[in-house]
Amino acid sequence: MVSEEIKNRKGARKIQDIPKDVLDLLNKGKIPTVNLTEWLAVNQSDLIKSIFPEIGLKDSIASITKAIGQQKKPSTMGSIKLIGLHLYEYCRQSKTLGSTIELLSNHESDTIRCYATYLIALNTKLNISEKLEQSRKLIADKHFGVREIVWMALRPEIEKKLSESFKILSKWTNDPDENIRRFTTESTRPRGVWCKHIEELKENPEQALQILESLKSDKSKYVQDSVGNWINDASKSKPEFVIGLCKKWESESPTAETEKIIKRALRTIRK
């Protein structure tokens, strides 16, 4: 039984300050992380050794932990991706992909849920529409870590089918869930963060107008920041496009929300 004190904790600011009992529970997958410090502190090897036997993945542990240990520059994101890659191959061969995705997606541990994102994104039997639709639950996840990992997992697939992806994502810009709306821009940023740039969007950012226009006065700050970051990315290669778009929005959408997005979008140009 996890105490209410642990459940309601704010989380330590430094890894070394995380209480031992909290870290033990995190590494056993019994509680979710509550901040970035905890998220980075989770020992991936200990976690899968604790959880995988419970969900029928015991035989995958040895090869995955070996791969984790062989990383030259280990990181939380790198380890999650590595586990996802190995787990996908294991489940594909054992024909347990669907059942494993279900188990991982509904797990208490946010880190475990992160692994599920790659099992969907890597599935060669799914088209981009199916991958996006099957990922919606994870895209709307309550935990920031899962939401970041899912767009990183799907981004290469989105880039391969950019035009088709934009047709799908443009419909998501009207979703009542701000996490779904934010995904439409965060997953397609021309330069992105911690990921490969999308060269086609750096050179032709107008392809995303159907998404950007729909979100230009979004009420959510979470979405506003992402839209502003998207356009700021574009300003580094196509400043004339960004200046023209922002002038157009200033005229067409004189709202406080649009003003905030424009300010963020023009920060590089105004330096």
Protein backbone atom coordinates (compact mmCIF):
# COMPACT_ATOMS: atom_id res chain seq x y z
CA MET A 1 0.00 0.00 0.00
CA VAL A 2 1.38 3.39 -1.03
CA SER A 3 0.91 6.12 1.59
CA GLU A 4 -1.05 9.28 0.86
CA GLU A 5 2.08 11.28 1.66
CA ILE A 6 3.96 9.58 -1.18
CA LYS A 7 1.02 9.83 -3.57
CA ASN A 8 0.71 13.57 -2.94
CA ARG A 9 4.44 14.41 -2.96
CA LYS A 10 5.72 17.31 -5.04
CA GLY A 11 8.95 15.57 -5.99
CA ALA A 12 12.57 16.38 -5.20
CA ARG A 13 14.49 18.96 -7.23
CA LYS A 14 17.67 16.88 -7.30
CA ILE A 15 18.00 13.15 -7.95
CA GLN A 16 20.12 12.67 -4.83
CA ASP A 17 17.29 14.15 -2.75
CA ILE A 18 14.67 11.61 -3.84
CA PRO A 19 13.74 9.54 -0.75
CA LYS A 20 14.87 5.92 -0.98
CA ASP A 21 11.37 4.55 -0.46
CA VAL A 22 10.06 6.71 -3.32
CA LEU A 23 12.87 5.66 -5.67
CA ASP A 24 12.28 2.01 -4.81
CA LEU A 25 8.60 2.33 -5.68
CA LEU A 26 9.44 4.12 -8.93
CA ASN A 27 11.88 1.40 -9.95
CA LYS A 28 9.29 -1.25 -9.12
CA GLY A 29 6.66 0.50 -11.23
CA LYS A 30 4.33 0.96 -8.28
CA ILE A 31 3.95 4.74 -8.62
CA PRO A 32 4.24 7.29 -11.45
CA THR A 33 6.87 10.01 -11.46
CA VAL A 34 5.68 13.50 -10.51
CA ASN A 35 8.37 15.69 -12.07
CA LEU A 36 11.28 15.63 -14.49
CA THR A 37 13.80 14.85 -11.74
CA GLU A 38 12.03 11.63 -10.83
CA TRP A 39 11.46 10.76 -14.49
CA LEU A 40 15.19 10.98 -15.15
CA ALA A 41 16.03 9.01 -12.00
CA VAL A 42 14.13 5.82 -12.88
CA ASN A 43 16.45 2.86 -13.39
CA GLN A 44 15.10 1.30 -16.59
CA SER A 45 16.79 -2.07 -16.02
CA ASP A 46 15.43 -2.41 -12.49
CA LEU A 47 12.00 -1.37 -13.70
CA ILE A 48 11.67 -3.98 -16.42
CA LYS A 49 13.13 -6.68 -14.17
CA SER A 50 10.36 -5.90 -11.72
CA ILE A 51 7.44 -5.48 -14.13
CA PHE A 52 8.07 -7.64 -17.18
CA PRO A 53 7.73 -11.02 -15.40
CA GLU A 54 4.28 -9.89 -14.20
CA ILE A 55 3.04 -9.19 -17.72
CA GLY A 56 4.48 -12.16 -19.60
CA LEU A 57 7.67 -10.53 -20.88
CA LYS A 58 10.20 -12.33 -18.69
CA ASP A 59 12.06 -13.86 -21.65
CA SER A 60 12.81 -10.43 -23.10
CA ILE A 61 14.60 -9.09 -20.02
CA ALA A 62 18.10 -10.49 -20.58
CA SER A 63 18.58 -9.12 -24.10
CA ILE A 64 17.06 -5.74 -23.25
CA THR A 65 19.10 -5.16 -20.10
CA LYS A 66 22.24 -6.18 -22.00
CA ALA A 67 21.46 -3.59 -24.67
CA ILE A 68 20.85 -0.93 -22.03
CA GLY A 69 24.21 -1.67 -20.45
CA GLN A 70 26.02 -1.40 -23.78
CA GLN A 71 24.91 2.17 -24.49
CA LYS A 72 27.82 4.56 -24.98
CA LYS A 73 25.88 7.61 -23.83
CA PRO A 74 22.93 6.37 -21.78
CA SER A 75 19.97 8.68 -21.27
CA THR A 76 16.35 8.30 -20.23
CA MET A 77 15.00 9.01 -23.71
CA GLY A 78 17.64 6.84 -25.33
CA SER A 79 16.92 3.94 -23.03
CA ILE A 80 13.15 4.21 -23.55
CA LYS A 81 13.63 4.14 -27.32
CA LEU A 82 16.06 1.23 -27.07
CA ILE A 83 13.65 -0.77 -24.91
CA GLY A 84 10.83 0.04 -27.31
CA LEU A 85 12.85 -1.20 -30.30
CA HIS A 86 13.86 -4.47 -28.63
CA LEU A 87 10.42 -5.03 -27.16
CA TYR A 88 8.78 -4.50 -30.54
CA GLU A 89 10.95 -7.20 -32.12
CA TYR A 90 10.31 -9.57 -29.23
CA CYS A 91 6.53 -9.09 -29.38
CA ARG A 92 6.44 -9.24 -33.17
CA GLN A 93 8.16 -12.61 -33.14
CA SER A 94 6.10 -13.94 -30.25
CA LYS A 95 2.89 -12.55 -31.79
CA THR A 96 1.99 -10.71 -28.58
CA LEU A 97 2.10 -7.15 -29.92
CA GLY A 98 -1.56 -6.28 -29.38
CA SER A 99 -1.84 -7.72 -25.89
CA THR A 100 1.46 -6.16 -24.81
CA ILE A 101 0.45 -2.70 -26.04
CA GLU A 102 -2.75 -3.00 -24.02
CA LEU A 103 -0.88 -4.00 -20.86
CA LEU A 104 1.79 -1.32 -21.19
CA SER A 105 -0.64 1.47 -22.14
CA ASN A 106 -2.69 0.98 -18.98
CA HIS A 107 0.16 0.50 -16.51
CA GLU A 108 0.47 2.66 -13.38
CA SER A 109 4.08 3.50 -14.22
CA ASP A 110 4.36 6.35 -16.73
CA THR A 111 7.73 4.97 -17.85
CA ILE A 112 6.14 1.63 -18.72
CA ARG A 113 3.46 3.47 -20.71
CA CYS A 114 6.25 5.19 -22.66
CA TYR A 115 7.40 1.84 -24.04
CA ALA A 116 3.99 1.29 -25.64
CA THR A 117 4.46 4.30 -27.91
CA TYR A 118 7.21 2.56 -29.87
CA LEU A 119 5.28 -0.70 -30.22
CA ILE A 120 2.64 1.24 -32.13
CA ALA A 121 4.96 3.53 -34.08
CA LEU A 122 7.19 0.69 -35.30
CA ASN A 123 4.39 -1.65 -36.37
CA THR A 124 4.87 -2.11 -40.12
CA LYS A 125 1.38 -3.59 -40.47
CA LEU A 126 -0.22 -0.24 -39.60
CA ASN A 127 -0.54 2.79 -41.89
CA ILE A 128 -0.03 6.30 -40.55
CA SER A 129 -3.74 6.80 -39.94
CA GLU A 130 -3.93 3.63 -37.84
CA LYS A 131 -0.76 4.50 -35.93
CA LEU A 132 -2.07 7.92 -35.02
CA GLU A 133 -5.50 6.62 -34.06
CA GLN A 134 -4.09 3.82 -31.91
CA SER A 135 -1.80 6.33 -30.18
CA ARG A 136 -4.53 8.81 -29.22
CA LYS A 137 -4.83 7.50 -25.68
CA LEU A 138 -1.10 7.94 -25.13
CA ILE A 139 -1.11 11.34 -26.86
CA ALA A 140 -3.74 12.44 -24.34
CA ASP A 141 -1.93 10.80 -21.41
CA LYS A 142 -2.03 12.68 -18.10
CA HIS A 143 1.74 12.43 -17.75
CA PHE A 144 4.11 14.84 -19.49
CA GLY A 145 6.74 12.14 -20.09
CA VAL A 146 4.39 9.90 -22.05
CA ARG A 147 3.16 12.85 -24.11
CA GLU A 148 6.72 13.80 -25.08
CA ILE A 149 7.82 10.27 -25.92
CA VAL A 150 4.78 9.55 -28.07
CA TRP A 151 5.37 12.44 -30.47
CA MET A 152 9.04 11.51 -30.71
CA ALA A 153 8.13 7.91 -31.49
CA LEU A 154 5.62 8.89 -34.18
CA ARG A 155 7.51 11.81 -35.72
CA PRO A 156 9.58 9.69 -38.18
CA GLU A 157 6.37 8.04 -39.36
CA ILE A 158 4.65 11.40 -39.74
CA GLU A 159 7.57 12.74 -41.78
CA LYS A 160 7.34 9.79 -44.19
CA LYS A 161 3.65 10.55 -44.82
CA LEU A 162 3.62 14.30 -44.28
CA SER A 163 0.72 15.26 -46.53
CA GLU A 164 -1.52 12.46 -45.26
CA SER A 165 -0.54 13.21 -41.66
CA PHE A 166 -1.52 16.87 -42.00
CA LYS A 167 -4.95 15.89 -43.34
CA ILE A 168 -5.49 13.75 -40.25
CA LEU A 169 -3.95 16.14 -37.73
CA SER A 170 -5.87 19.15 -39.07
CA LYS A 171 -9.05 17.45 -37.81
CA TRP A 172 -7.46 17.00 -34.40
CA THR A 173 -7.03 20.77 -33.96
CA ASN A 174 -10.69 20.94 -32.91
CA ASP A 175 -10.40 18.23 -30.28
CA PRO A 176 -11.58 19.31 -26.80
CA ASP A 177 -8.41 17.82 -25.26
CA GLU A 178 -5.55 20.33 -25.28
CA ASN A 179 -3.03 17.47 -25.32
CA ILE A 180 -4.43 16.20 -28.61
CA ARG A 181 -4.39 19.71 -30.11
CA ARG A 182 -0.85 20.36 -28.92
CA PHE A 183 0.37 17.11 -30.49
CA THR A 184 -0.55 18.40 -33.96
CA THR A 185 2.14 21.08 -33.80
CA GLU A 186 4.64 19.53 -31.42
CA SER A 187 5.02 16.39 -33.53
CA THR A 188 5.54 18.37 -36.74
CA ARG A 189 7.84 21.19 -35.66
CA PRO A 190 10.36 21.89 -38.46
CA ARG A 191 13.32 21.83 -36.08
CA GLY A 192 11.86 20.20 -33.02
CA VAL A 193 13.66 19.38 -29.80
CA TRP A 194 15.83 16.29 -29.20
CA CYS A 195 14.97 15.01 -32.67
CA LYS A 196 15.87 15.07 -36.36
CA HIS A 197 14.70 18.15 -38.25
CA ILE A 198 12.05 17.86 -40.95
CA GLU A 199 13.84 19.45 -43.89
CA GLU A 200 10.71 19.64 -46.05
CA LEU A 201 8.98 21.83 -43.47
CA LYS A 202 12.03 24.01 -42.96
CA GLU A 203 11.87 24.84 -46.67
CA ASN A 204 8.09 24.70 -47.15
CA PRO A 205 6.41 25.61 -43.83
CA GLU A 206 3.20 26.61 -45.60
CA GLN A 207 2.28 22.92 -45.72
CA ALA A 208 1.27 23.20 -42.08
CA LEU A 209 -1.03 26.19 -42.50
CA GLN A 210 -4.17 24.08 -42.13
CA ILE A 211 -3.03 23.25 -38.58
CA LEU A 212 -1.52 26.60 -37.65
CA GLU A 213 -4.55 28.59 -38.80
CA SER A 214 -6.89 26.46 -36.69
CA LEU A 215 -4.83 27.04 -33.57
CA LYS A 216 -3.91 30.70 -33.96
CA SER A 217 -6.19 31.78 -31.10
CA ASP A 218 -6.29 28.60 -29.03
CA LYS A 219 -7.26 29.24 -25.40
CA SER A 220 -4.69 26.81 -23.96
CA LYS A 221 -1.24 28.17 -23.06
CA TYR A 222 0.12 24.65 -23.58
CA VAL A 223 -1.05 24.81 -27.19
CA GLN A 224 -0.11 28.46 -27.67
CA ASP A 225 3.49 27.78 -26.69
CA SER A 226 3.74 24.88 -29.13
CA VAL A 227 2.27 26.89 -32.01
CA GLY A 228 4.62 29.78 -31.26
CA ASN A 229 7.58 27.40 -31.14
CA TRP A 230 6.55 25.85 -34.47
CA ILE A 231 6.49 29.22 -36.21
CA ASN A 232 9.72 30.30 -34.51
CA ASP A 233 11.35 27.16 -35.93
CA ALA A 234 10.17 28.19 -39.39
CA SER A 235 11.52 31.72 -38.93
CA LYS A 236 15.09 30.41 -38.89
CA SER A 237 14.88 29.27 -42.51
CA LYS A 238 11.89 31.16 -43.91
CA PRO A 239 11.63 34.49 -42.04
CA GLU A 240 9.55 36.09 -44.82
CA PHE A 241 6.87 33.41 -44.42
CA VAL A 242 6.69 33.99 -40.68
CA ILE A 243 6.60 37.79 -40.93
CA GLY A 244 3.80 37.62 -43.48
CA LEU A 245 1.80 35.11 -41.45
CA CYS A 246 2.10 37.10 -38.24
CA LYS A 247 1.03 40.33 -39.96
CA LYS A 248 -1.96 38.51 -41.38
CA TRP A 249 -2.91 37.14 -37.96
CA GLU A 250 -2.53 40.54 -36.30
CA SER A 251 -5.16 41.84 -38.68
CA GLU A 252 -7.49 38.86 -38.79
CA SER A 253 -7.29 37.68 -35.18
CA PRO A 254 -6.75 40.58 -32.74
CA THR A 255 -7.04 38.40 -29.62
CA ALA A 256 -4.82 38.10 -26.57
CA GLU A 257 -4.17 34.46 -27.44
CA THR A 258 -2.97 35.26 -30.95
CA GLU A 259 -0.83 38.09 -29.61
CA LYS A 260 0.95 35.68 -27.26
CA ILE A 261 1.59 33.21 -30.08
CA ILE A 262 2.95 35.93 -32.36
CA LYS A 263 5.27 37.23 -29.66
CA ARG A 264 6.71 33.75 -29.17
CA ALA A 265 6.86 33.12 -32.92
CA LEU A 266 8.88 36.26 -33.63
CA ARG A 267 11.39 35.98 -30.80
CA THR A 268 14.27 34.90 -33.05
CA ILE A 269 13.50 37.48 -35.75
CA ARG A 270 13.29 40.26 -33.15
CA LYS A 271 16.65 39.47 -31.56
